[in-house]
Amino acid sequence: MRREGTWNGGPGTPRRGPADQATVRRSNLALVLRHLREHGARSRSAVAAETGLNKTTVTSLASELLARGLIKETGPQHAGAVGRPGLALTLDGSGVGALGLEVNVDYIAAFATDLAGRVLLDWRISFNAMNSTPERSLDELARAIKQAVDELALLGVRVAGITVAVPGLIDTTTGTVDVAPNLGWYGVPVANVLERADVSRDVPVTIDNDANLAALAEFTSGVAAGTPDLVYLTGEVGIGGGIIAGGRLLGGADGFAGEVGHVPVDPSGDRCGCGRIGCWETKVGLAVLVRMVTPDNAYGTHDGVVRDPEERLAEIEARQAAGDPHVSEAVAEVGRWLGRGAATLVNLFNPRVIVLGGYFARLADQLIPVAQAELERWGVAGSIARCSFVASDFGFCAASRGAAGIVVERVLSDPTTVDVRASVMPSSESTEGRADPVSHRVKPPR
């Protein structure tokens, strides 16, 4: 258990300086904040006893967390002791927002929560990034961020951070998209562009891979929450994979692990957006299914028409309901290739669960039986027997949800990232009568 700042270094060890003391305080602030998040309302005495901090330190830390709007006082709390009961501390954060966005081939999504996990925003706008320049796409992304920040401000919520999910290889240290072939982005400094656009002054903006963020969302709160070994598949035009191994996200030496969509599976197949032949996403990506079932409305067929992926899926389902035999055949073909590719992942990473996101989840009832049979055919028997496909509940917002979760985790790890200021929200009791601001919606294209 973390203790408050005693230094037990050996001979010759430098004495702590002010920076070290600041680090210790940040660490202790995080300890108290996480303790309240995990264990609920606690008196200052209880927090001290349970964390190993002394009560004087807890009182000081609580005052700072109160000033930052991260906790609140409730009570009184009776602990069976003689004397006047004290006020309890509990997680608040109702005025502190975490904003996640995703830019993908055919939409931009926004998702926001407060620190306590209450969903504040959940929307998606159609946008044809595939046929737009990086500059235009980033302009649209900046507008979406400003819109989301303004909506949160109307709710009395200040944004603690913004994370943007992008389907590609990301240099997270610089916020640069090295390559996102389905977007046509190569060496795009997304973080710098958004900072210059002044999307939200003094709010940190980070960029990360969409599949990795979606995998984290599934691991923390999805259908396979807590499963220490899982693979998440995005189910978009491009196919990305997020890999949780031993309870940790597998990043790789350069953070590029999980680019499963570009694993070659068919040397005589179609050319992929990355320029190679026969990548897995040329067999299972949404664009492939759309081309097989609705060739008249395939991606890139009508450059002026912006269609949300849900619309495309609705059209596919309508054709199947009308008795079009090509739909079932096409879905079965995708399912077979899905199972073959998944067998490689199972042989490599030995997950317990493969979580299907995006359009895979929408068509899971048809895809999973075919994919599972193919998985059992191509996989190593022992690992396959203990691995199954499951459909995500998050639809097309898993990545933006995971992006918001990254911001929450950053605040929990370092509460000093939230400014000390008077709370911009009413007290907890006065928020109970407010209408929930969220219902998931798809906005019309602008």
Protein backbone atom coordinates (compact mmCIF):
# COMPACT_ATOMS: atom_id res chain seq x y z
CA MET A 1 0.00 0.00 0.00
CA ARG A 2 1.32 3.43 -0.88
CA ARG A 3 2.48 5.53 2.08
CA GLU A 4 2.97 9.25 2.27
CA GLY A 5 6.44 10.37 1.44
CA THR A 6 8.95 8.91 3.90
CA TRP A 7 12.31 8.43 2.19
CA ASN A 8 14.34 5.37 3.07
CA GLY A 9 17.12 5.58 0.53
CA GLY A 10 20.54 4.15 1.38
CA PRO A 11 23.86 5.93 1.78
CA GLY A 12 24.62 8.35 -1.00
CA THR A 13 20.99 8.53 -2.08
CA PRO A 14 20.02 12.13 -2.96
CA ARG A 15 17.61 13.84 -0.59
CA ARG A 16 14.17 14.56 -1.93
CA GLY A 17 13.71 17.95 -3.51
CA PRO A 18 10.53 19.94 -4.06
CA ALA A 19 9.75 18.10 -7.29
CA ASP A 20 9.81 14.78 -5.46
CA GLN A 21 7.50 16.09 -2.76
CA ALA A 22 5.11 17.27 -5.46
CA THR A 23 5.22 13.78 -6.99
CA VAL A 24 4.42 12.21 -3.63
CA ARG A 25 1.47 14.55 -3.15
CA ARG A 26 0.11 13.77 -6.62
CA SER A 27 0.45 10.10 -5.85
CA ASN A 28 -1.41 10.45 -2.57
CA LEU A 29 -4.16 12.54 -4.17
CA ALA A 30 -4.62 9.73 -6.70
CA LEU A 31 -4.63 7.14 -3.91
CA VAL A 32 -7.44 8.90 -2.05
CA LEU A 33 -9.45 9.57 -5.20
CA ARG A 34 -9.23 5.97 -6.40
CA HIS A 35 -10.05 4.67 -2.92
CA LEU A 36 -13.26 6.67 -2.83
CA ARG A 37 -14.13 5.57 -6.36
CA GLU A 38 -13.66 1.91 -5.51
CA HIS A 39 -15.07 1.83 -1.98
CA GLY A 40 -17.73 4.54 -1.88
CA ALA A 41 -18.40 7.13 0.81
CA ARG A 42 -15.84 7.16 3.61
CA SER A 43 -15.05 9.38 6.55
CA ARG A 44 -11.64 11.00 6.65
CA SER A 45 -10.70 8.69 9.49
CA ALA A 46 -11.74 5.63 7.49
CA VAL A 47 -9.77 6.78 4.45
CA ALA A 48 -6.70 7.28 6.64
CA ALA A 49 -7.03 3.85 8.25
CA GLU A 50 -7.68 2.04 4.95
CA THR A 51 -4.94 3.72 2.90
CA GLY A 52 -2.22 3.99 5.54
CA LEU A 53 -2.08 7.78 5.28
CA ASN A 54 -2.35 9.80 8.50
CA LYS A 55 -5.53 11.74 9.15
CA THR A 56 -3.88 15.16 8.90
CA THR A 57 -2.61 14.30 5.44
CA VAL A 58 -6.01 12.95 4.38
CA THR A 59 -7.67 16.16 5.55
CA SER A 60 -5.24 18.22 3.45
CA LEU A 61 -5.66 15.97 0.42
CA ALA A 62 -9.44 16.02 0.74
CA SER A 63 -9.44 19.82 0.81
CA GLU A 64 -7.54 19.91 -2.46
CA LEU A 65 -9.76 17.30 -4.12
CA LEU A 66 -12.82 19.26 -2.99
CA ALA A 67 -11.36 22.44 -4.46
CA ARG A 68 -10.79 20.67 -7.77
CA GLY A 69 -14.41 19.47 -7.81
CA LEU A 70 -13.41 15.80 -7.80
CA ILE A 71 -15.01 14.77 -4.51
CA LYS A 72 -17.83 16.09 -2.33
CA GLU A 73 -18.94 15.82 1.26
CA THR A 74 -22.03 13.85 2.23
CA GLY A 75 -23.26 12.74 5.53
CA PRO A 76 -23.26 12.72 8.35
CA GLN A 77 -21.71 9.27 8.59
CA HIS A 78 -22.24 7.28 11.77
CA ALA A 79 -19.41 4.90 12.62
CA GLY A 80 -20.67 3.84 16.05
CA ALA A 81 -18.31 6.19 17.85
CA VAL A 82 -19.23 8.60 20.62
CA GLY A 83 -19.51 12.21 19.56
CA ARG A 84 -20.79 14.14 16.59
CA PRO A 85 -20.61 12.14 13.36
CA GLY A 86 -18.40 13.60 10.65
CA LEU A 87 -19.18 14.29 7.02
CA ALA A 88 -18.21 11.53 4.63
CA LEU A 89 -16.21 11.98 1.45
CA THR A 90 -17.38 10.51 -1.84
CA LEU A 91 -16.44 10.75 -5.49
CA ASP A 92 -18.08 13.63 -7.33
CA GLY A 93 -16.60 14.80 -10.60
CA SER A 94 -20.06 15.72 -11.89
CA GLY A 95 -18.62 18.96 -13.19
CA VAL A 96 -15.54 17.32 -14.74
CA GLY A 97 -15.94 15.79 -18.19
CA ALA A 98 -13.90 13.28 -20.21
CA LEU A 99 -14.37 13.63 -23.97
CA GLY A 100 -13.57 10.94 -26.51
CA LEU A 101 -13.96 11.18 -30.28
CA GLU A 102 -13.41 8.88 -33.20
CA VAL A 103 -12.86 9.80 -36.82
CA ASN A 104 -13.47 6.92 -39.20
CA VAL A 105 -14.13 6.34 -42.88
CA ASP A 106 -17.77 7.39 -42.82
CA TYR A 107 -18.46 9.09 -39.49
CA ILE A 108 -17.19 11.09 -36.55
CA ALA A 109 -18.38 9.97 -33.12
CA ALA A 110 -18.34 11.77 -29.77
CA PHE A 111 -18.76 10.25 -26.32
CA ALA A 112 -18.36 11.96 -22.96
CA THR A 113 -18.78 11.02 -19.32
CA ASP A 114 -18.25 12.74 -16.04
CA LEU A 115 -15.71 11.35 -13.61
CA ALA A 116 -18.33 9.21 -11.90
CA GLY A 117 -19.21 7.53 -15.21
CA ARG A 118 -22.48 9.29 -16.02
CA VAL A 119 -22.82 9.49 -19.82
CA LEU A 120 -23.12 13.11 -20.94
CA LEU A 121 -22.81 12.85 -24.73
CA ASP A 122 -23.17 10.02 -27.21
CA TRP A 123 -23.62 11.01 -30.85
CA ARG A 124 -22.30 10.37 -34.30
CA ILE A 125 -22.32 12.45 -37.48
CA SER A 126 -21.98 11.06 -41.00
CA PHE A 127 -18.84 12.22 -42.74
CA ASN A 128 -17.13 10.91 -45.87
CA ALA A 129 -13.51 10.92 -44.71
CA MET A 130 -12.56 8.38 -47.38
CA ASN A 131 -13.13 10.97 -50.10
CA SER A 132 -11.91 14.00 -48.17
CA THR A 133 -8.45 15.45 -47.77
CA PRO A 134 -6.78 15.16 -44.36
CA GLU A 135 -7.16 18.94 -44.01
CA ARG A 136 -10.92 18.81 -44.55
CA SER A 137 -11.30 15.82 -42.26
CA LEU A 138 -9.42 17.60 -39.49
CA ASP A 139 -11.51 20.73 -39.99
CA GLU A 140 -14.63 18.61 -39.52
CA LEU A 141 -13.10 16.90 -36.49
CA ALA A 142 -12.26 20.28 -34.96
CA ARG A 143 -15.85 21.42 -35.48
CA ALA A 144 -17.13 18.25 -33.82
CA ILE A 145 -14.84 18.79 -30.83
CA LYS A 146 -15.94 22.40 -30.45
CA GLN A 147 -19.57 21.35 -30.67
CA ALA A 148 -19.08 18.67 -28.01
CA VAL A 149 -17.20 21.05 -25.70
CA ASP A 150 -19.97 23.65 -26.10
CA GLU A 151 -22.64 21.05 -25.29
CA LEU A 152 -20.76 20.03 -22.16
CA ALA A 153 -20.36 23.66 -21.13
CA LEU A 154 -24.15 24.07 -21.32
CA LEU A 155 -24.37 21.18 -18.84
CA GLY A 156 -21.97 23.00 -16.52
CA VAL A 157 -19.15 20.56 -17.25
CA ARG A 158 -15.53 21.53 -17.87
CA VAL A 159 -13.50 19.17 -20.02
CA ALA A 160 -10.48 17.60 -18.33
CA GLY A 161 -9.06 16.12 -21.52
CA ILE A 162 -9.79 15.00 -25.07
CA THR A 163 -8.67 11.78 -26.73
CA VAL A 164 -9.22 11.14 -30.43
CA ALA A 165 -9.37 7.63 -31.86
CA VAL A 166 -8.06 7.08 -35.40
CA PRO A 167 -7.94 3.82 -37.40
CA GLY A 168 -4.24 3.65 -38.14
CA LEU A 169 -0.69 3.53 -36.82
CA ILE A 170 -0.27 6.30 -34.25
CA ASP A 171 2.80 7.89 -32.74
CA THR A 172 1.15 8.63 -29.40
CA THR A 173 4.11 10.65 -28.12
CA THR A 174 3.63 13.30 -30.81
CA GLY A 175 -0.04 12.76 -31.67
CA THR A 176 0.89 11.99 -35.28
CA VAL A 177 -0.91 9.50 -37.50
CA ASP A 178 1.92 7.71 -39.27
CA VAL A 179 -0.41 5.87 -41.63
CA ALA A 180 -4.16 5.41 -41.84
CA PRO A 181 -4.66 3.91 -45.31
CA ASN A 182 -8.47 3.90 -45.32
CA LEU A 183 -8.48 7.61 -44.49
CA GLY A 184 -5.60 8.40 -46.84
CA TRP A 185 -3.57 9.89 -43.98
CA TYR A 186 0.21 9.64 -43.97
CA GLY A 187 2.31 11.54 -41.44
CA VAL A 188 -0.59 13.74 -40.32
CA PRO A 189 0.22 15.70 -37.09
CA VAL A 190 -3.32 15.54 -35.73
CA ALA A 191 -2.59 16.83 -32.22
CA ASN A 192 -0.67 19.85 -33.52
CA VAL A 193 -3.39 20.70 -36.04
CA LEU A 194 -6.10 20.54 -33.38
CA GLU A 195 -4.01 22.67 -31.01
CA ARG A 196 -3.56 25.30 -33.72
CA ALA A 197 -7.30 25.17 -34.34
CA ASP A 198 -7.74 26.03 -30.64
CA VAL A 199 -10.49 23.45 -30.25
CA SER A 200 -10.41 23.76 -26.48
CA ARG A 201 -7.95 26.07 -24.80
CA ASP A 202 -5.74 24.59 -22.06
CA VAL A 203 -7.26 21.12 -22.47
CA PRO A 204 -4.81 18.33 -23.37
CA VAL A 205 -5.53 16.52 -26.64
CA THR A 206 -4.12 13.04 -27.27
CA ILE A 207 -4.42 10.68 -30.25
CA ASP A 208 -4.58 6.90 -30.12
CA ASN A 209 -5.51 3.85 -32.17
CA ASP A 210 -9.23 3.09 -32.42
CA ALA A 211 -8.98 -0.67 -31.87
CA ASN A 212 -6.77 -0.29 -28.82
CA LEU A 213 -9.19 2.18 -27.25
CA ALA A 214 -12.16 -0.02 -28.06
CA ALA A 215 -10.41 -3.02 -26.50
CA LEU A 216 -9.84 -1.03 -23.31
CA ALA A 217 -13.53 -0.06 -23.25
CA GLU A 218 -14.53 -3.71 -23.58
CA PHE A 219 -12.06 -4.79 -20.92
CA THR A 220 -13.27 -2.22 -18.39
CA SER A 221 -17.02 -2.18 -18.98
CA GLY A 222 -18.06 -4.30 -21.97
CA VAL A 223 -19.46 -7.78 -22.50
CA ALA A 224 -16.09 -9.34 -21.61
CA ALA A 225 -15.23 -6.92 -18.79
CA GLY A 226 -12.43 -8.23 -16.61
CA THR A 227 -11.39 -10.99 -19.02
CA PRO A 228 -7.59 -10.80 -18.81
CA ASP A 229 -6.97 -12.23 -22.28
CA LEU A 230 -9.18 -11.00 -25.09
CA VAL A 231 -9.02 -9.72 -28.66
CA TYR A 232 -11.32 -6.98 -29.93
CA LEU A 233 -12.05 -6.69 -33.68
CA THR A 234 -13.38 -3.36 -34.91
CA GLY A 235 -15.75 -4.46 -37.67
CA GLU A 236 -15.45 -1.31 -39.78
CA VAL A 237 -14.34 -0.66 -43.36
CA GLY A 238 -10.88 -1.30 -41.99
CA ILE A 239 -10.31 -4.13 -39.53
CA GLY A 240 -8.23 -3.37 -36.48
CA GLY A 241 -7.49 -5.47 -33.44
CA GLY A 242 -6.98 -4.53 -29.81
CA ILE A 243 -5.23 -7.20 -27.75
CA ILE A 244 -5.52 -7.51 -23.98
CA ALA A 245 -2.95 -10.00 -22.65
CA GLY A 246 -2.67 -10.73 -18.95
CA GLY A 247 -4.96 -7.79 -18.20
CA ARG A 248 -2.80 -5.27 -20.07
CA LEU A 249 -3.08 -3.75 -23.52
CA LEU A 250 -0.47 -5.21 -25.84
CA GLY A 251 1.18 -2.29 -27.58
CA GLY A 252 4.34 -3.70 -29.09
CA ALA A 253 7.76 -2.07 -29.40
CA ASP A 254 6.38 0.96 -31.29
CA GLY A 255 2.76 0.81 -30.17
CA PHE A 256 1.67 -0.70 -33.48
CA ALA A 257 0.52 -4.12 -32.25
CA GLY A 258 -2.95 -5.16 -33.38
CA GLU A 259 -2.84 -4.21 -37.06
CA VAL A 260 -4.56 -7.48 -37.83
CA GLY A 261 -6.49 -6.17 -40.81
CA HIS A 262 -3.28 -6.10 -42.84
CA VAL A 263 -2.24 -9.68 -42.14
CA PRO A 264 -2.05 -11.34 -45.61
CA VAL A 265 -4.54 -14.19 -45.99
CA ASP A 266 -4.99 -14.55 -49.76
CA PRO A 267 -2.02 -14.00 -52.13
CA SER A 268 -4.39 -13.98 -55.10
CA GLY A 269 -6.92 -11.68 -53.48
CA ASP A 270 -7.86 -8.03 -53.95
CA ARG A 271 -5.62 -5.04 -53.45
CA CYS A 272 -5.97 -3.46 -50.02
CA GLY A 273 -6.04 0.24 -49.20
CA CYS A 274 -2.53 -0.20 -47.78
CA GLY A 275 -1.30 -1.16 -51.28
CA ARG A 276 -0.72 -4.86 -50.57
CA ILE A 277 -2.62 -7.84 -51.93
CA GLY A 278 -4.99 -10.08 -50.00
CA CYS A 279 -5.05 -8.45 -46.56
CA TRP A 280 -7.61 -9.82 -44.10
CA GLU A 281 -9.74 -6.67 -44.28
CA THR A 282 -10.23 -7.22 -48.03
CA LYS A 283 -12.14 -10.36 -46.99
CA VAL A 284 -14.07 -9.19 -43.91
CA GLY A 285 -14.20 -5.37 -43.96
CA LEU A 286 -17.59 -3.65 -44.20
CA ALA A 287 -16.70 -2.30 -47.64
CA VAL A 288 -16.38 -5.87 -48.92
CA LEU A 289 -19.80 -6.91 -47.64
CA VAL A 290 -21.41 -3.75 -49.01
CA ARG A 291 -19.83 -4.33 -52.41
CA MET A 292 -21.08 -7.93 -52.54
CA VAL A 293 -24.64 -7.15 -51.42
CA THR A 294 -25.29 -3.59 -52.62
CA PRO A 295 -22.83 -2.99 -55.48
CA ASP A 296 -24.89 -0.01 -56.64
CA ASN A 297 -24.19 1.71 -53.29
CA ALA A 298 -20.63 0.51 -52.67
CA TYR A 299 -18.08 2.69 -50.95
CA GLY A 300 -16.73 5.27 -53.38
CA THR A 301 -19.55 4.71 -55.88
CA HIS A 302 -21.27 8.02 -55.15
CA ASP A 303 -18.76 10.51 -53.83
CA GLY A 304 -21.41 13.05 -52.96
CA VAL A 305 -23.52 10.68 -50.85
CA VAL A 306 -22.62 10.44 -47.17
CA ARG A 307 -24.01 7.29 -45.60
CA ASP A 308 -23.68 6.19 -42.00
CA PRO A 309 -22.69 2.52 -41.53
CA GLU A 310 -25.98 1.87 -39.74
CA GLU A 311 -27.81 2.95 -42.91
CA ARG A 312 -25.77 0.55 -45.00
CA LEU A 313 -26.50 -2.29 -42.61
CA ALA A 314 -30.20 -1.46 -42.60
CA GLU A 315 -30.23 -1.72 -46.40
CA ILE A 316 -28.45 -5.08 -46.28
CA GLU A 317 -30.93 -6.39 -43.70
CA ALA A 318 -33.86 -5.10 -45.75
CA ARG A 319 -32.63 -6.98 -48.83
CA GLN A 320 -32.21 -10.13 -46.79
CA ALA A 321 -35.74 -9.79 -45.37
CA ALA A 322 -37.02 -9.40 -48.93
CA GLY A 323 -35.52 -12.79 -49.79
CA ASP A 324 -32.33 -11.77 -51.64
CA PRO A 325 -30.18 -14.97 -51.54
CA HIS A 326 -26.98 -13.03 -52.17
CA VAL A 327 -27.10 -11.51 -48.69
CA SER A 328 -26.90 -14.80 -46.78
CA GLU A 329 -24.21 -16.05 -49.14
CA ALA A 330 -22.15 -12.89 -48.68
CA VAL A 331 -22.50 -12.92 -44.87
CA ALA A 332 -21.48 -16.59 -44.78
CA GLU A 333 -18.42 -15.82 -46.92
CA VAL A 334 -17.41 -13.04 -44.52
CA GLY A 335 -17.99 -15.41 -41.60
CA ARG A 336 -15.69 -18.04 -43.09
CA TRP A 337 -12.84 -15.58 -43.57
CA LEU A 338 -13.52 -14.09 -40.15
CA GLY A 339 -13.03 -17.52 -38.58
CA ARG A 340 -9.86 -18.25 -40.58
CA GLY A 341 -8.22 -14.99 -39.61
CA ALA A 342 -9.34 -15.37 -36.00
CA ALA A 343 -7.66 -18.78 -35.87
CA THR A 344 -4.32 -17.10 -36.49
CA LEU A 345 -4.98 -14.67 -33.63
CA VAL A 346 -5.97 -17.49 -31.29
CA ASN A 347 -2.86 -19.48 -32.22
CA LEU A 348 -0.70 -16.41 -31.51
CA PHE A 349 -2.31 -14.85 -28.44
CA ASN A 350 -4.45 -17.60 -26.86
CA PRO A 351 -7.37 -15.33 -25.85
CA ARG A 352 -10.44 -16.55 -24.01
CA VAL A 353 -12.77 -14.25 -25.92
CA ILE A 354 -12.85 -12.55 -29.32
CA VAL A 355 -15.13 -9.53 -29.05
CA LEU A 356 -16.78 -8.55 -32.33
CA GLY A 357 -17.43 -4.83 -32.69
CA GLY A 358 -18.94 -2.56 -35.32
CA TYR A 359 -20.92 -4.29 -38.04
CA PHE A 360 -19.72 -7.71 -36.86
CA ALA A 361 -21.80 -7.22 -33.72
CA ARG A 362 -24.86 -6.16 -35.71
CA LEU A 363 -24.71 -9.38 -37.79
CA ALA A 364 -23.35 -11.58 -35.00
CA ASP A 365 -26.22 -14.08 -35.06
CA GLN A 366 -25.31 -14.97 -38.63
CA LEU A 367 -21.54 -14.51 -38.48
CA ILE A 368 -20.63 -16.28 -35.25
CA PRO A 369 -21.81 -19.83 -36.08
CA VAL A 370 -19.90 -19.81 -39.38
CA ALA A 371 -16.83 -18.14 -37.89
CA GLN A 372 -16.75 -20.48 -34.89
CA ALA A 373 -16.86 -23.53 -37.14
CA GLU A 374 -14.01 -22.16 -39.26
CA LEU A 375 -12.06 -21.25 -36.13
CA GLU A 376 -12.32 -24.82 -34.88
CA ARG A 377 -11.17 -26.09 -38.27
CA TRP A 378 -8.02 -23.95 -38.48
CA GLY A 379 -7.03 -23.35 -34.87
CA VAL A 380 -4.90 -25.35 -32.46
CA ALA A 381 -7.36 -27.68 -30.73
CA GLY A 382 -6.55 -26.88 -27.09
CA SER A 383 -6.73 -23.09 -27.34
CA ILE A 384 -9.72 -23.10 -29.68
CA ALA A 385 -11.82 -25.20 -27.31
CA ARG A 386 -11.59 -22.48 -24.67
CA CYS A 387 -12.11 -19.45 -26.95
CA SER A 388 -15.41 -18.06 -28.16
CA PHE A 389 -16.79 -15.12 -30.13
CA VAL A 390 -19.05 -12.61 -28.39
CA ALA A 391 -20.81 -9.54 -29.79
CA SER A 392 -20.06 -6.13 -28.34
CA ASP A 393 -22.89 -4.02 -26.94
CA PHE A 394 -21.15 -0.76 -27.84
CA GLY A 395 -21.95 -0.66 -31.55
CA PHE A 396 -19.90 1.90 -33.42
CA CYS A 397 -19.02 3.95 -30.31
CA ALA A 398 -16.59 1.55 -28.60
CA ALA A 399 -13.51 3.54 -29.63
CA SER A 400 -14.89 6.93 -28.57
CA ARG A 401 -16.05 5.35 -25.30
CA GLY A 402 -12.55 3.97 -24.72
CA ALA A 403 -11.09 7.37 -25.62
CA ALA A 404 -13.17 9.03 -22.89
CA GLY A 405 -12.04 6.29 -20.50
CA ILE A 406 -8.41 7.23 -21.14
CA VAL A 407 -9.15 10.76 -19.95
CA VAL A 408 -10.87 9.48 -16.80
CA GLU A 409 -7.89 7.25 -16.06
CA ARG A 410 -5.53 10.19 -16.53
CA VAL A 411 -7.46 12.25 -13.97
CA LEU A 412 -7.59 9.36 -11.50
CA SER A 413 -3.82 8.89 -11.88
CA ASP A 414 -3.06 12.61 -11.52
CA PRO A 415 -5.90 14.71 -10.04
CA THR A 416 -3.77 17.86 -10.43
CA THR A 417 -4.60 17.83 -14.15
CA VAL A 418 -7.97 19.32 -13.11
CA ASP A 419 -7.68 22.99 -12.17
CA VAL A 420 -8.45 24.21 -8.67
CA ARG A 421 -11.54 26.34 -9.00
CA ALA A 422 -14.98 26.80 -7.56
CA SER A 423 -17.32 24.02 -8.63
CA VAL A 424 -19.22 24.89 -11.80
CA MET A 425 -21.92 22.40 -10.94
CA PRO A 426 -24.57 22.57 -8.26
CA SER A 427 -24.06 20.29 -5.26
CA SER A 428 -24.83 16.60 -5.69
CA GLU A 429 -28.25 16.82 -4.12
CA SER A 430 -29.37 19.54 -6.53
CA THR A 431 -28.42 17.58 -9.65
CA GLU A 432 -30.88 14.77 -9.00
CA GLY A 433 -33.78 16.51 -10.67
CA ARG A 434 -31.92 17.29 -13.86
CA ALA A 435 -32.87 15.45 -17.02
CA ASP A 436 -30.32 13.03 -18.34
CA PRO A 437 -28.77 14.90 -21.29
CA VAL A 438 -27.94 11.79 -23.27
CA SER A 439 -29.65 9.66 -25.81
CA HIS A 440 -27.53 8.10 -28.52
CA ARG A 441 -28.22 9.73 -31.82
CA VAL A 442 -26.90 9.91 -35.34
CA LYS A 443 -26.82 13.48 -36.55
CA PRO A 444 -27.44 14.38 -40.17
CA PRO A 445 -24.40 15.28 -42.24
CA ARG A 446 -23.52 18.94 -42.41
